[in-house]
């Protein structure tokens, strides 16, 4: 917890005093954390005046000031824009390189996939499975998906042309599940072109942790957290 009426530096000095840091030890930790979280530009700014991303960085620096071996992060990137979230991921990767154990809770599945060595998926307050991201996707992610984008005026026709492949309409594109996407793509494109439809794009999508959650619970993640 940081006090809004204190500067970032004053907050860190206060926390250091709780651990009876010597001035030398504090300045060494401050140097390391300032470099890791790029604090130097706002160390002397009141915490209440910081942006969301800056405040997250300052809070994380404060939690690491006493150099704990285990760090618990409860949805640390909620409310951050995509750029700030990616930047925060870098900080977490830096902590991993320092050998710290990090327990991270998040409902951003791509975040868990990117950062975690092991993932525990919870549903209705219970852990339903634990494993590495790759292991979970391999065992429970289902088939790969081919996403086909066509102009909106051709979407219904494209769905009929590809009906043998059981396409699913998702917003403005079609998705087809298959075990052999690389082999199927040329056939799909040929069928569409024979009907006078030129796909705007065709993309192969590997299974995600979102797919794992859906396959295990029968619900999409955003439905589960409402």
C-alpha atoms as a PDB file:
ATOM      1  CA  UNK A   1       0.000   0.000   0.000  1.00  0.00           C
ATOM      2  CA  UNK A   2       1.320   3.415  -1.004  1.00  0.00           C
ATOM      3  CA  UNK A   3       0.223   6.711   0.531  1.00  0.00           C
ATOM      4  CA  UNK A   4      -1.088   9.153  -2.076  1.00  0.00           C
ATOM      5  CA  UNK A   5       0.083  12.232  -0.161  1.00  0.00           C
ATOM      6  CA  UNK A   6       3.710  11.033  -0.132  1.00  0.00           C
ATOM      7  CA  UNK A   7       6.102  10.970  -3.056  1.00  0.00           C
ATOM      8  CA  UNK A   8       7.216   7.624  -4.412  1.00  0.00           C
ATOM      9  CA  UNK A   9      10.604   8.139  -2.789  1.00  0.00           C
ATOM     10  CA  UNK A  10       9.038   9.011   0.573  1.00  0.00           C
ATOM     11  CA  UNK A  11       6.878   5.891   0.396  1.00  0.00           C
ATOM     12  CA  UNK A  12       9.923   3.737  -0.287  1.00  0.00           C
ATOM     13  CA  UNK A  13      11.883   5.398   2.517  1.00  0.00           C
ATOM     14  CA  UNK A  14       9.015   4.757   4.924  1.00  0.00           C
ATOM     15  CA  UNK A  15       8.816   1.086   3.948  1.00  0.00           C
ATOM     16  CA  UNK A  16      12.602   0.758   4.298  1.00  0.00           C
ATOM     17  CA  UNK A  17      12.366   2.155   7.826  1.00  0.00           C
ATOM     18  CA  UNK A  18       9.918  -0.621   8.755  1.00  0.00           C
ATOM     19  CA  UNK A  19      12.603  -3.148   7.826  1.00  0.00           C
ATOM     20  CA  UNK A  20      15.324  -1.160   9.647  1.00  0.00           C
ATOM     21  CA  UNK A  21      17.335  -0.718   6.450  1.00  0.00           C
ATOM     22  CA  UNK A  22      20.653   1.081   6.683  1.00  0.00           C
ATOM     23  CA  UNK A  23      20.934   4.069   4.357  1.00  0.00           C
ATOM     24  CA  UNK A  24      23.481   2.186   2.281  1.00  0.00           C
ATOM     25  CA  UNK A  25      21.220  -0.845   1.863  1.00  0.00           C
ATOM     26  CA  UNK A  26      18.236   1.348   0.985  1.00  0.00           C
ATOM     27  CA  UNK A  27      20.144   3.260  -1.677  1.00  0.00           C
ATOM     28  CA  UNK A  28      21.373   0.014  -3.232  1.00  0.00           C
ATOM     29  CA  UNK A  29      17.851  -1.450  -3.420  1.00  0.00           C
ATOM     30  CA  UNK A  30      16.515   1.882  -4.683  1.00  0.00           C
ATOM     31  CA  UNK A  31      19.100   1.902  -7.470  1.00  0.00           C
ATOM     32  CA  UNK A  32      18.205  -1.640  -8.537  1.00  0.00           C
ATOM     33  CA  UNK A  33      14.440  -1.081  -8.424  1.00  0.00           C
ATOM     34  CA  UNK A  34      14.601   2.331 -10.097  1.00  0.00           C
ATOM     35  CA  UNK A  35      16.438   0.736 -12.991  1.00  0.00           C
ATOM     36  CA  UNK A  36      14.156  -2.310 -13.166  1.00  0.00           C
ATOM     37  CA  UNK A  37      10.885  -0.336 -13.049  1.00  0.00           C
ATOM     38  CA  UNK A  38      12.100   2.937 -14.578  1.00  0.00           C
ATOM     39  CA  UNK A  39      11.122   5.007 -11.540  1.00  0.00           C
ATOM     40  CA  UNK A  40      13.619   7.849 -11.862  1.00  0.00           C
ATOM     41  CA  UNK A  41      11.267  10.178 -13.769  1.00  0.00           C
ATOM     42  CA  UNK A  42       8.627  10.159 -11.026  1.00  0.00           C
ATOM     43  CA  UNK A  43      10.432   9.265  -7.786  1.00  0.00           C
ATOM     44  CA  UNK A  44       9.761  12.747  -6.409  1.00  0.00           C
ATOM     45  CA  UNK A  45       6.174  12.943  -7.618  1.00  0.00           C
ATOM     46  CA  UNK A  46       3.289  12.456  -5.199  1.00  0.00           C
ATOM     47  CA  UNK A  47       1.877   8.969  -5.604  1.00  0.00           C
ATOM     48  CA  UNK A  48      -1.662  10.289  -5.986  1.00  0.00           C
ATOM     49  CA  UNK A  49      -0.579  12.154  -9.134  1.00  0.00           C
ATOM     50  CA  UNK A  50       0.791   9.094 -10.942  1.00  0.00           C
ATOM     51  CA  UNK A  51      -0.793   7.413 -13.947  1.00  0.00           C
ATOM     52  CA  UNK A  52      -2.193   3.913 -13.512  1.00  0.00           C
ATOM     53  CA  UNK A  53       0.870   2.298 -15.058  1.00  0.00           C
ATOM     54  CA  UNK A  54       3.290   4.384 -12.984  1.00  0.00           C
ATOM     55  CA  UNK A  55       1.432   3.561  -9.785  1.00  0.00           C
ATOM     56  CA  UNK A  56       1.568  -0.172 -10.572  1.00  0.00           C
ATOM     57  CA  UNK A  57       5.312   0.068 -11.128  1.00  0.00           C
ATOM     58  CA  UNK A  58       5.807   2.002  -7.898  1.00  0.00           C
ATOM     59  CA  UNK A  59       3.650  -0.488  -5.968  1.00  0.00           C
ATOM     60  CA  UNK A  60       5.601  -3.427  -7.322  1.00  0.00           C
ATOM     61  CA  UNK A  61       8.897  -1.729  -6.462  1.00  0.00           C
ATOM     62  CA  UNK A  62       7.612  -1.162  -2.923  1.00  0.00           C
ATOM     63  CA  UNK A  63       6.650  -4.820  -2.555  1.00  0.00           C
ATOM     64  CA  UNK A  64      10.131  -5.874  -3.703  1.00  0.00           C
ATOM     65  CA  UNK A  65      12.103  -3.400  -1.617  1.00  0.00           C
ATOM     66  CA  UNK A  66      12.995  -5.995   1.033  1.00  0.00           C
ATOM     67  CA  UNK A  67      13.967  -8.482  -1.713  1.00  0.00           C
ATOM     68  CA  UNK A  68      11.455 -11.263  -0.926  1.00  0.00           C
ATOM     69  CA  UNK A  69      12.017 -14.701  -2.502  1.00  0.00           C
ATOM     70  CA  UNK A  70       8.268 -15.101  -3.169  1.00  0.00           C
ATOM     71  CA  UNK A  71       6.054 -12.420  -4.755  1.00  0.00           C
ATOM     72  CA  UNK A  72       2.233 -12.587  -4.855  1.00  0.00           C
ATOM     73  CA  UNK A  73       0.540 -10.471  -7.551  1.00  0.00           C
ATOM     74  CA  UNK A  74      -3.256 -10.211  -7.574  1.00  0.00           C
ATOM     75  CA  UNK A  75      -4.401  -9.173 -11.069  1.00  0.00           C
ATOM     76  CA  UNK A  76      -1.607  -6.585 -11.384  1.00  0.00           C
ATOM     77  CA  UNK A  77      -2.486  -5.480 -14.927  1.00  0.00           C
ATOM     78  CA  UNK A  78      -6.231  -4.863 -14.532  1.00  0.00           C
ATOM     79  CA  UNK A  79      -7.089  -1.442 -15.930  1.00  0.00           C
ATOM     80  CA  UNK A  80      -3.830  -1.014 -17.832  1.00  0.00           C
ATOM     81  CA  UNK A  81      -3.856  -0.326 -21.567  1.00  0.00           C
ATOM     82  CA  UNK A  82      -2.269  -2.977 -23.839  1.00  0.00           C
ATOM     83  CA  UNK A  83       1.080  -1.161 -24.082  1.00  0.00           C
ATOM     84  CA  UNK A  84       1.341  -0.716 -20.309  1.00  0.00           C
ATOM     85  CA  UNK A  85       0.341  -4.347 -19.792  1.00  0.00           C
ATOM     86  CA  UNK A  86       3.111  -5.564 -22.113  1.00  0.00           C
ATOM     87  CA  UNK A  87       5.567  -3.302 -20.320  1.00  0.00           C
ATOM     88  CA  UNK A  88       4.492  -4.796 -16.996  1.00  0.00           C
ATOM     89  CA  UNK A  89       5.043  -8.284 -18.397  1.00  0.00           C
ATOM     90  CA  UNK A  90       8.663  -7.320 -18.998  1.00  0.00           C
ATOM     91  CA  UNK A  91       9.059  -6.402 -15.318  1.00  0.00           C
ATOM     92  CA  UNK A  92       7.663  -9.782 -14.280  1.00  0.00           C
ATOM     93  CA  UNK A  93      10.046 -11.548 -16.671  1.00  0.00           C
ATOM     94  CA  UNK A  94      12.922  -9.603 -15.088  1.00  0.00           C
ATOM     95  CA  UNK A  95      11.870 -10.860 -11.648  1.00  0.00           C
ATOM     96  CA  UNK A  96      11.764 -14.425 -12.952  1.00  0.00           C
ATOM     97  CA  UNK A  97      15.323 -14.016 -14.210  1.00  0.00           C
ATOM     98  CA  UNK A  98      16.325 -12.977 -10.682  1.00  0.00           C
ATOM     99  CA  UNK A  99      15.112 -16.382  -9.487  1.00  0.00           C
ATOM    100  CA  UNK A 100      12.007 -15.174  -7.655  1.00  0.00           C
ATOM    101  CA  UNK A 101       8.932 -17.360  -7.279  1.00  0.00           C
ATOM    102  CA  UNK A 102       5.864 -15.460  -8.498  1.00  0.00           C
ATOM    103  CA  UNK A 103       2.255 -16.369  -7.740  1.00  0.00           C
ATOM    104  CA  UNK A 104       0.105 -14.474 -10.241  1.00  0.00           C
ATOM    105  CA  UNK A 105      -3.685 -14.333 -10.396  1.00  0.00           C
ATOM    106  CA  UNK A 106      -5.176 -13.072 -13.653  1.00  0.00           C
ATOM    107  CA  UNK A 107      -8.232 -13.500 -15.857  1.00  0.00           C
ATOM    108  CA  UNK A 108      -6.202 -12.545 -18.940  1.00  0.00           C
ATOM    109  CA  UNK A 109      -5.473 -15.965 -20.432  1.00  0.00           C
ATOM    110  CA  UNK A 110      -2.823 -14.637 -22.818  1.00  0.00           C
ATOM    111  CA  UNK A 111      -1.040 -13.199 -19.775  1.00  0.00           C
ATOM    112  CA  UNK A 112      -0.962 -16.582 -18.049  1.00  0.00           C
ATOM    113  CA  UNK A 113       0.210 -18.216 -21.279  1.00  0.00           C
ATOM    114  CA  UNK A 114       2.986 -15.674 -21.784  1.00  0.00           C
ATOM    115  CA  UNK A 115       4.326 -15.489 -18.228  1.00  0.00           C
ATOM    116  CA  UNK A 116       3.601 -18.668 -16.312  1.00  0.00           C
ATOM    117  CA  UNK A 117       5.572 -21.899 -16.109  1.00  0.00           C
ATOM    118  CA  UNK A 118       2.569 -23.626 -14.523  1.00  0.00           C
ATOM    119  CA  UNK A 119      -1.093 -22.645 -14.612  1.00  0.00           C
ATOM    120  CA  UNK A 120      -3.935 -23.554 -12.260  1.00  0.00           C
ATOM    121  CA  UNK A 121      -7.360 -22.947 -13.793  1.00  0.00           C
ATOM    122  CA  UNK A 122     -10.166 -22.220 -11.339  1.00  0.00           C
ATOM    123  CA  UNK A 123     -13.905 -22.438 -11.851  1.00  0.00           C
ATOM    124  CA  UNK A 124     -16.533 -21.615  -9.222  1.00  0.00           C
ATOM    125  CA  UNK A 125     -13.822 -21.213  -6.595  1.00  0.00           C
ATOM    126  CA  UNK A 126     -12.161 -24.588  -7.204  1.00  0.00           C
ATOM    127  CA  UNK A 127      -8.979 -25.557  -9.019  1.00  0.00           C
ATOM    128  CA  UNK A 128     -10.030 -27.853 -11.857  1.00  0.00           C
ATOM    129  CA  UNK A 129      -6.656 -28.495 -13.489  1.00  0.00           C
ATOM    130  CA  UNK A 130      -2.952 -27.662 -13.130  1.00  0.00           C
ATOM    131  CA  UNK A 131      -0.203 -27.939 -15.728  1.00  0.00           C
ATOM    132  CA  UNK A 132       2.150 -26.048 -17.985  1.00  0.00           C
ATOM    133  CA  UNK A 133       0.455 -23.858 -20.624  1.00  0.00           C
ATOM    134  CA  UNK A 134       1.722 -26.092 -23.444  1.00  0.00           C
ATOM    135  CA  UNK A 135       0.561 -29.245 -21.667  1.00  0.00           C
ATOM    136  CA  UNK A 136      -2.923 -27.853 -21.007  1.00  0.00           C
ATOM    137  CA  UNK A 137      -3.327 -26.667 -24.593  1.00  0.00           C
ATOM    138  CA  UNK A 138      -2.106 -29.988 -25.978  1.00  0.00           C
ATOM    139  CA  UNK A 139      -4.404 -32.097 -23.791  1.00  0.00           C
ATOM    140  CA  UNK A 140      -7.484 -29.883 -23.519  1.00  0.00           C
ATOM    141  CA  UNK A 141      -7.216 -27.122 -26.140  1.00  0.00           C
ATOM    142  CA  UNK A 142      -8.974 -29.027 -28.887  1.00  0.00           C
ATOM    143  CA  UNK A 143      -8.225 -28.699 -32.581  1.00  0.00           C
ATOM    144  CA  UNK A 144      -6.564 -25.811 -34.340  1.00  0.00           C
ATOM    145  CA  UNK A 145      -8.879 -23.269 -35.976  1.00  0.00           C
ATOM    146  CA  UNK A 146      -8.773 -21.750 -39.435  1.00  0.00           C
ATOM    147  CA  UNK A 147     -10.177 -18.206 -39.425  1.00  0.00           C
ATOM    148  CA  UNK A 148     -11.395 -17.040 -42.835  1.00  0.00           C
ATOM    149  CA  UNK A 149     -12.174 -13.372 -43.410  1.00  0.00           C
ATOM    150  CA  UNK A 150     -14.329 -12.427 -46.393  1.00  0.00           C
ATOM    151  CA  UNK A 151     -16.238  -9.279 -47.272  1.00  0.00           C
ATOM    152  CA  UNK A 152     -19.502  -9.070 -45.324  1.00  0.00           C
ATOM    153  CA  UNK A 153     -21.616  -9.350 -48.491  1.00  0.00           C
ATOM    154  CA  UNK A 154     -20.032 -12.759 -49.176  1.00  0.00           C
ATOM    155  CA  UNK A 155     -20.162 -14.137 -45.633  1.00  0.00           C
ATOM    156  CA  UNK A 156     -23.426 -16.059 -45.959  1.00  0.00           C
ATOM    157  CA  UNK A 157     -22.430 -17.504 -49.341  1.00  0.00           C
ATOM    158  CA  UNK A 158     -19.007 -18.511 -47.991  1.00  0.00           C
ATOM    159  CA  UNK A 159     -20.715 -20.311 -45.119  1.00  0.00           C
ATOM    160  CA  UNK A 160     -22.786 -22.338 -47.603  1.00  0.00           C
ATOM    161  CA  UNK A 161     -19.823 -23.081 -49.876  1.00  0.00           C
ATOM    162  CA  UNK A 162     -17.837 -24.436 -46.913  1.00  0.00           C
ATOM    163  CA  UNK A 163     -20.773 -26.195 -45.226  1.00  0.00           C
ATOM    164  CA  UNK A 164     -19.053 -29.610 -45.531  1.00  0.00           C
ATOM    165  CA  UNK A 165     -16.429 -28.349 -43.055  1.00  0.00           C
ATOM    166  CA  UNK A 166     -18.970 -27.222 -40.406  1.00  0.00           C
ATOM    167  CA  UNK A 167     -17.881 -23.577 -40.240  1.00  0.00           C
ATOM    168  CA  UNK A 168     -18.839 -21.415 -37.276  1.00  0.00           C
ATOM    169  CA  UNK A 169     -19.639 -17.760 -37.863  1.00  0.00           C
ATOM    170  CA  UNK A 170     -17.770 -15.516 -35.412  1.00  0.00           C
ATOM    171  CA  UNK A 171     -18.546 -11.827 -35.862  1.00  0.00           C
ATOM    172  CA  UNK A 172     -17.293 -11.076 -39.402  1.00  0.00           C
ATOM    173  CA  UNK A 173     -15.387 -14.274 -40.164  1.00  0.00           C
ATOM    174  CA  UNK A 174     -15.770 -18.044 -40.316  1.00  0.00           C
ATOM    175  CA  UNK A 175     -13.916 -20.528 -38.124  1.00  0.00           C
ATOM    176  CA  UNK A 176     -13.276 -24.155 -39.033  1.00  0.00           C
ATOM    177  CA  UNK A 177     -11.746 -26.629 -36.583  1.00  0.00           C
ATOM    178  CA  UNK A 178      -9.336 -29.203 -37.947  1.00  0.00           C
ATOM    179  CA  UNK A 179      -6.447 -31.432 -36.911  1.00  0.00           C
ATOM    180  CA  UNK A 180      -4.550 -30.669 -40.146  1.00  0.00           C
ATOM    181  CA  UNK A 181      -4.953 -26.948 -40.867  1.00  0.00           C
ATOM    182  CA  UNK A 182      -1.967 -26.628 -43.214  1.00  0.00           C
ATOM    183  CA  UNK A 183      -3.373 -29.332 -45.495  1.00  0.00           C
ATOM    184  CA  UNK A 184      -6.917 -27.954 -45.459  1.00  0.00           C
ATOM    185  CA  UNK A 185      -6.222 -24.267 -46.160  1.00  0.00           C
ATOM    186  CA  UNK A 186      -5.486 -24.674 -49.924  1.00  0.00           C
ATOM    187  CA  UNK A 187      -8.733 -26.653 -50.382  1.00  0.00           C
ATOM    188  CA  UNK A 188     -10.782 -23.996 -48.582  1.00  0.00           C
ATOM    189  CA  UNK A 189      -9.303 -21.179 -50.638  1.00  0.00           C
ATOM    190  CA  UNK A 190      -9.900 -23.109 -53.885  1.00  0.00           C
ATOM    191  CA  UNK A 191     -13.558 -23.775 -52.979  1.00  0.00           C
ATOM    192  CA  UNK A 192     -14.169 -20.118 -52.164  1.00  0.00           C
ATOM    193  CA  UNK A 193     -12.473 -18.875 -55.317  1.00  0.00           C
ATOM    194  CA  UNK A 194     -14.487 -21.311 -57.447  1.00  0.00           C
ATOM    195  CA  UNK A 195     -17.593 -19.589 -56.039  1.00  0.00           C
ATOM    196  CA  UNK A 196     -16.199 -16.158 -56.912  1.00  0.00           C
ATOM    197  CA  UNK A 197     -15.089 -15.308 -53.375  1.00  0.00           C
ATOM    198  CA  UNK A 198     -11.558 -14.086 -52.706  1.00  0.00           C
ATOM    199  CA  UNK A 199     -10.768 -14.365 -48.973  1.00  0.00           C
ATOM    200  CA  UNK A 200      -9.379 -11.185 -47.448  1.00  0.00           C
ATOM    201  CA  UNK A 201      -7.261 -13.286 -45.087  1.00  0.00           C
ATOM    202  CA  UNK A 202      -6.880 -16.867 -43.896  1.00  0.00           C
ATOM    203  CA  UNK A 203      -5.276 -17.440 -40.508  1.00  0.00           C
ATOM    204  CA  UNK A 204      -4.373 -20.626 -38.645  1.00  0.00           C
ATOM    205  CA  UNK A 205      -4.969 -20.253 -34.912  1.00  0.00           C
ATOM    206  CA  UNK A 206      -3.469 -22.684 -32.430  1.00  0.00           C
ATOM    207  CA  UNK A 207      -5.449 -23.679 -29.316  1.00  0.00           C
ATOM    208  CA  UNK A 208      -5.322 -21.142 -26.471  1.00  0.00           C
ATOM    209  CA  UNK A 209      -5.852 -21.305 -22.720  1.00  0.00           C
ATOM    210  CA  UNK A 210      -9.233 -19.703 -23.399  1.00  0.00           C
ATOM    211  CA  UNK A 211     -10.073 -22.811 -25.439  1.00  0.00           C
ATOM    212  CA  UNK A 212      -8.884 -24.977 -22.536  1.00  0.00           C
ATOM    213  CA  UNK A 213     -11.199 -23.135 -20.136  1.00  0.00           C
ATOM    214  CA  UNK A 214     -14.122 -23.417 -22.549  1.00  0.00           C
ATOM    215  CA  UNK A 215     -13.568 -27.136 -23.125  1.00  0.00           C
ATOM    216  CA  UNK A 216     -13.276 -27.897 -19.399  1.00  0.00           C
ATOM    217  CA  UNK A 217     -16.155 -25.752 -18.147  1.00  0.00           C
ATOM    218  CA  UNK A 218     -18.459 -25.349 -21.135  1.00  0.00           C
ATOM    219  CA  UNK A 219     -18.346 -21.562 -20.683  1.00  0.00           C
ATOM    220  CA  UNK A 220     -16.168 -18.812 -22.052  1.00  0.00           C
ATOM    221  CA  UNK A 221     -14.001 -17.045 -19.491  1.00  0.00           C
ATOM    222  CA  UNK A 222     -15.828 -13.706 -19.720  1.00  0.00           C
ATOM    223  CA  UNK A 223     -19.126 -15.496 -19.007  1.00  0.00           C
ATOM    224  CA  UNK A 224     -17.592 -17.133 -15.935  1.00  0.00           C
ATOM    225  CA  UNK A 225     -16.335 -13.896 -14.352  1.00  0.00           C
ATOM    226  CA  UNK A 226     -19.537 -11.894 -14.742  1.00  0.00           C
END
